[in-house]
């Protein structure tokens, strides 16, 4: 599966580029957002199964927002699962 670009909604980041191969997250790159936090999230999820990332990150909120960069990553990965 090629790297996909997911346009985020409701966060400081503008997009997330995700590479998933055989159900495993190979790489994640956030476009915009808090550089240290998004780099940390990316490194933590690399090598994890997609379903585990979704389970751990879904529903995380950022302050008073209804979503967050981690939650948006979970949404991006959920969209990938729906395509398969």
N, C-alpha and C. Protein backbone atom coordinates (compact mmCIF):
# COMPACT_ATOMS: atom_id res chain seq x y z
N UNK A 1 0.86 -1.18 0.00
CA UNK A 1 0.00 0.00 0.00
C UNK A 1 0.90 1.23 0.00
N UNK A 2 0.64 2.19 -0.88
CA UNK A 2 1.45 3.40 -0.92
C UNK A 2 1.19 4.30 0.29
N UNK A 3 2.07 5.25 0.50
CA UNK A 3 1.88 6.23 1.57
C UNK A 3 0.62 7.03 1.24
N UNK A 4 -0.24 7.18 2.23
CA UNK A 4 -1.46 7.96 2.02
C UNK A 4 -1.33 9.28 2.77
N UNK A 5 -2.02 10.29 2.28
CA UNK A 5 -2.07 11.58 2.97
C UNK A 5 -3.49 11.78 3.46
N UNK A 6 -3.60 11.97 4.77
CA UNK A 6 -4.89 12.19 5.40
C UNK A 6 -4.96 13.66 5.81
N UNK A 7 -5.97 14.37 5.34
CA UNK A 7 -6.18 15.77 5.70
C UNK A 7 -6.85 15.82 7.07
N UNK A 8 -6.17 16.38 8.05
CA UNK A 8 -6.72 16.43 9.40
C UNK A 8 -7.81 17.50 9.52
N UNK A 9 -8.62 17.35 10.57
CA UNK A 9 -9.69 18.31 10.86
C UNK A 9 -9.66 18.63 12.35
N UNK A 10 -9.68 19.92 12.69
CA UNK A 10 -9.79 20.33 14.08
C UNK A 10 -8.50 20.31 14.87
N UNK A 11 -7.35 20.22 14.18
CA UNK A 11 -6.06 20.20 14.87
C UNK A 11 -5.11 21.23 14.26
N UNK A 12 -4.01 21.46 14.94
CA UNK A 12 -2.98 22.36 14.43
C UNK A 12 -2.28 21.76 13.22
N UNK A 13 -2.13 20.43 13.21
CA UNK A 13 -1.53 19.79 12.04
C UNK A 13 -2.51 19.87 10.87
N UNK A 14 -1.96 19.91 9.67
CA UNK A 14 -2.79 20.04 8.47
C UNK A 14 -3.03 18.71 7.77
N UNK A 15 -2.08 17.79 7.94
CA UNK A 15 -2.19 16.49 7.26
C UNK A 15 -1.28 15.48 7.97
N UNK A 16 -1.54 14.21 7.67
CA UNK A 16 -0.69 13.13 8.18
C UNK A 16 -0.38 12.21 7.01
N UNK A 17 0.90 11.93 6.79
CA UNK A 17 1.33 10.98 5.78
C UNK A 17 1.63 9.67 6.50
N UNK A 18 0.97 8.60 6.08
CA UNK A 18 1.08 7.31 6.76
C UNK A 18 1.45 6.22 5.77
N UNK A 19 2.43 5.41 6.16
CA UNK A 19 2.82 4.25 5.37
C UNK A 19 2.51 3.00 6.19
N UNK A 20 1.61 2.17 5.69
CA UNK A 20 1.22 0.92 6.35
C UNK A 20 1.50 -0.22 5.40
N UNK A 21 2.17 -1.24 5.90
CA UNK A 21 2.45 -2.43 5.10
C UNK A 21 2.08 -3.67 5.90
N UNK A 22 1.25 -4.50 5.32
CA UNK A 22 0.81 -5.74 5.96
C UNK A 22 0.24 -5.52 7.37
N UNK A 23 -0.53 -4.44 7.52
CA UNK A 23 -1.19 -4.17 8.79
C UNK A 23 -0.30 -3.57 9.87
N UNK A 24 0.94 -3.20 9.50
CA UNK A 24 1.89 -2.61 10.44
C UNK A 24 2.21 -1.19 10.00
N UNK A 25 2.22 -0.25 10.95
CA UNK A 25 2.58 1.14 10.65
C UNK A 25 4.09 1.19 10.44
N UNK A 26 4.50 1.58 9.25
CA UNK A 26 5.93 1.66 8.92
C UNK A 26 6.48 3.06 9.20
N UNK A 27 5.69 4.09 8.87
CA UNK A 27 6.14 5.46 9.16
C UNK A 27 4.93 6.39 9.21
N UNK A 28 5.10 7.47 9.97
CA UNK A 28 4.07 8.50 10.12
C UNK A 28 4.78 9.85 10.09
N UNK A 29 4.25 10.78 9.31
CA UNK A 29 4.79 12.14 9.29
C UNK A 29 3.62 13.11 9.35
N UNK A 30 3.62 13.94 10.38
CA UNK A 30 2.61 14.98 10.51
C UNK A 30 3.09 16.22 9.76
N UNK A 31 2.17 16.92 9.11
CA UNK A 31 2.45 18.18 8.43
C UNK A 31 1.87 19.27 9.32
N UNK A 32 2.74 20.05 9.95
CA UNK A 32 2.30 21.07 10.89
C UNK A 32 2.11 20.45 12.27
N UNK A 33 1.55 21.21 13.16
CA UNK A 33 1.33 20.73 14.52
C UNK A 33 2.53 21.01 15.41
N UNK A 34 2.49 20.53 16.62
CA UNK A 34 3.57 20.71 17.59
C UNK A 34 4.68 19.72 17.26
N UNK A 35 5.78 20.20 16.73
CA UNK A 35 6.83 19.35 16.17
C UNK A 35 7.31 18.25 17.11
N UNK A 36 7.58 18.57 18.35
CA UNK A 36 8.08 17.56 19.29
C UNK A 36 7.05 16.50 19.59
N UNK A 37 5.82 16.92 19.81
CA UNK A 37 4.76 15.96 20.13
C UNK A 37 4.44 15.05 18.95
N UNK A 38 4.33 15.63 17.76
CA UNK A 38 3.98 14.80 16.61
C UNK A 38 5.14 13.87 16.22
N UNK A 39 6.38 14.33 16.39
CA UNK A 39 7.53 13.44 16.13
C UNK A 39 7.54 12.30 17.13
N UNK A 40 7.21 12.58 18.38
CA UNK A 40 7.16 11.55 19.40
C UNK A 40 6.08 10.52 19.12
N UNK A 41 4.90 10.98 18.74
CA UNK A 41 3.81 10.08 18.39
C UNK A 41 4.25 9.18 17.23
N UNK A 42 4.86 9.79 16.23
CA UNK A 42 5.29 9.04 15.05
C UNK A 42 6.24 7.91 15.42
N UNK A 43 7.24 8.21 16.23
CA UNK A 43 8.22 7.20 16.63
C UNK A 43 7.60 6.10 17.50
N UNK A 44 6.67 6.48 18.34
CA UNK A 44 6.04 5.50 19.23
C UNK A 44 5.19 4.48 18.47
N UNK A 45 4.53 4.91 17.39
CA UNK A 45 3.63 4.00 16.70
C UNK A 45 4.30 3.20 15.59
N UNK A 46 5.50 3.60 15.17
CA UNK A 46 6.19 2.86 14.11
C UNK A 46 6.42 1.42 14.57
N UNK A 47 6.06 0.48 13.72
CA UNK A 47 6.22 -0.93 14.02
C UNK A 47 5.02 -1.55 14.73
N UNK A 48 4.03 -0.74 15.08
CA UNK A 48 2.85 -1.25 15.78
C UNK A 48 1.78 -1.70 14.78
N UNK A 49 0.99 -2.70 15.16
CA UNK A 49 -0.15 -3.07 14.33
C UNK A 49 -1.16 -1.92 14.28
N UNK A 50 -1.77 -1.75 13.12
CA UNK A 50 -2.74 -0.67 12.92
C UNK A 50 -3.85 -0.71 13.96
N UNK A 51 -4.40 -1.89 14.22
CA UNK A 51 -5.53 -1.97 15.16
C UNK A 51 -5.12 -1.56 16.57
N UNK A 52 -3.88 -1.80 16.95
CA UNK A 52 -3.41 -1.39 18.28
C UNK A 52 -3.26 0.13 18.38
N UNK A 53 -2.76 0.74 17.31
CA UNK A 53 -2.64 2.21 17.28
C UNK A 53 -4.02 2.84 17.39
N UNK A 54 -4.97 2.32 16.63
CA UNK A 54 -6.34 2.85 16.67
C UNK A 54 -6.91 2.72 18.08
N UNK A 55 -6.73 1.55 18.69
CA UNK A 55 -7.26 1.31 20.04
C UNK A 55 -6.67 2.28 21.06
N UNK A 56 -5.37 2.53 20.96
CA UNK A 56 -4.70 3.38 21.95
C UNK A 56 -4.95 4.88 21.76
N UNK A 57 -5.12 5.32 20.51
CA UNK A 57 -5.17 6.76 20.24
C UNK A 57 -6.56 7.32 20.01
N UNK A 58 -7.53 6.48 19.70
CA UNK A 58 -8.89 6.97 19.43
C UNK A 58 -9.47 7.69 20.64
N UNK A 59 -10.06 8.85 20.36
CA UNK A 59 -10.76 9.58 21.40
C UNK A 59 -9.91 10.53 22.23
N UNK A 60 -8.60 10.56 22.01
CA UNK A 60 -7.77 11.51 22.76
C UNK A 60 -8.12 12.93 22.33
N UNK A 61 -8.28 13.79 23.30
CA UNK A 61 -8.65 15.19 23.02
C UNK A 61 -7.48 16.11 23.34
N UNK A 62 -7.45 17.25 22.69
CA UNK A 62 -6.43 18.27 22.93
C UNK A 62 -7.13 19.48 23.54
N UNK A 63 -6.93 19.69 24.83
CA UNK A 63 -7.59 20.81 25.50
C UNK A 63 -9.09 20.72 25.36
N UNK A 64 -9.69 21.81 24.89
CA UNK A 64 -11.15 21.85 24.73
C UNK A 64 -11.60 21.37 23.36
N UNK A 65 -10.66 20.98 22.50
CA UNK A 65 -11.02 20.49 21.17
C UNK A 65 -11.64 19.09 21.29
N UNK A 66 -12.44 18.73 20.32
CA UNK A 66 -13.07 17.41 20.34
C UNK A 66 -12.16 16.33 19.76
N UNK A 67 -10.97 16.71 19.31
CA UNK A 67 -10.04 15.77 18.71
C UNK A 67 -8.61 16.19 19.05
N UNK A 68 -7.64 15.48 18.50
CA UNK A 68 -6.22 15.79 18.71
C UNK A 68 -5.44 15.18 17.56
N UNK A 69 -4.15 15.46 17.49
CA UNK A 69 -3.32 14.83 16.45
C UNK A 69 -3.31 13.30 16.61
N UNK A 70 -3.17 12.76 17.82
CA UNK A 70 -3.24 11.30 17.94
C UNK A 70 -4.59 10.74 17.49
N UNK A 71 -5.68 11.41 17.86
CA UNK A 71 -7.01 10.97 17.46
C UNK A 71 -7.16 11.02 15.94
N UNK A 72 -6.62 12.06 15.31
CA UNK A 72 -6.69 12.17 13.86
C UNK A 72 -5.89 11.04 13.19
N UNK A 73 -4.76 10.65 13.78
CA UNK A 73 -4.01 9.51 13.26
C UNK A 73 -4.85 8.24 13.34
N UNK A 74 -5.54 8.05 14.45
CA UNK A 74 -6.43 6.89 14.58
C UNK A 74 -7.51 6.91 13.51
N UNK A 75 -8.06 8.09 13.22
CA UNK A 75 -9.09 8.21 12.18
C UNK A 75 -8.51 7.89 10.81
N UNK A 76 -7.29 8.36 10.54
CA UNK A 76 -6.64 8.06 9.26
C UNK A 76 -6.45 6.56 9.10
N UNK A 77 -5.99 5.90 10.15
CA UNK A 77 -5.77 4.47 10.09
C UNK A 77 -7.09 3.70 10.01
N UNK A 78 -8.13 4.19 10.65
CA UNK A 78 -9.44 3.55 10.55
C UNK A 78 -9.95 3.61 9.12
N UNK A 79 -9.67 4.71 8.45
CA UNK A 79 -10.06 4.85 7.05
C UNK A 79 -9.32 3.86 6.16
N UNK A 80 -8.07 3.58 6.49
CA UNK A 80 -7.30 2.60 5.73
C UNK A 80 -7.90 1.22 5.90
N UNK A 81 -8.27 0.88 7.13
CA UNK A 81 -8.86 -0.43 7.40
C UNK A 81 -10.16 -0.61 6.62
N UNK A 82 -10.93 0.47 6.50
CA UNK A 82 -12.20 0.40 5.80
C UNK A 82 -11.99 0.14 4.31
N UNK A 83 -10.85 0.60 3.76
CA UNK A 83 -10.56 0.43 2.33
C UNK A 83 -10.17 -1.00 2.01
N UNK A 84 -9.60 -1.72 2.98
CA UNK A 84 -9.09 -3.07 2.71
C UNK A 84 -10.19 -4.08 2.58
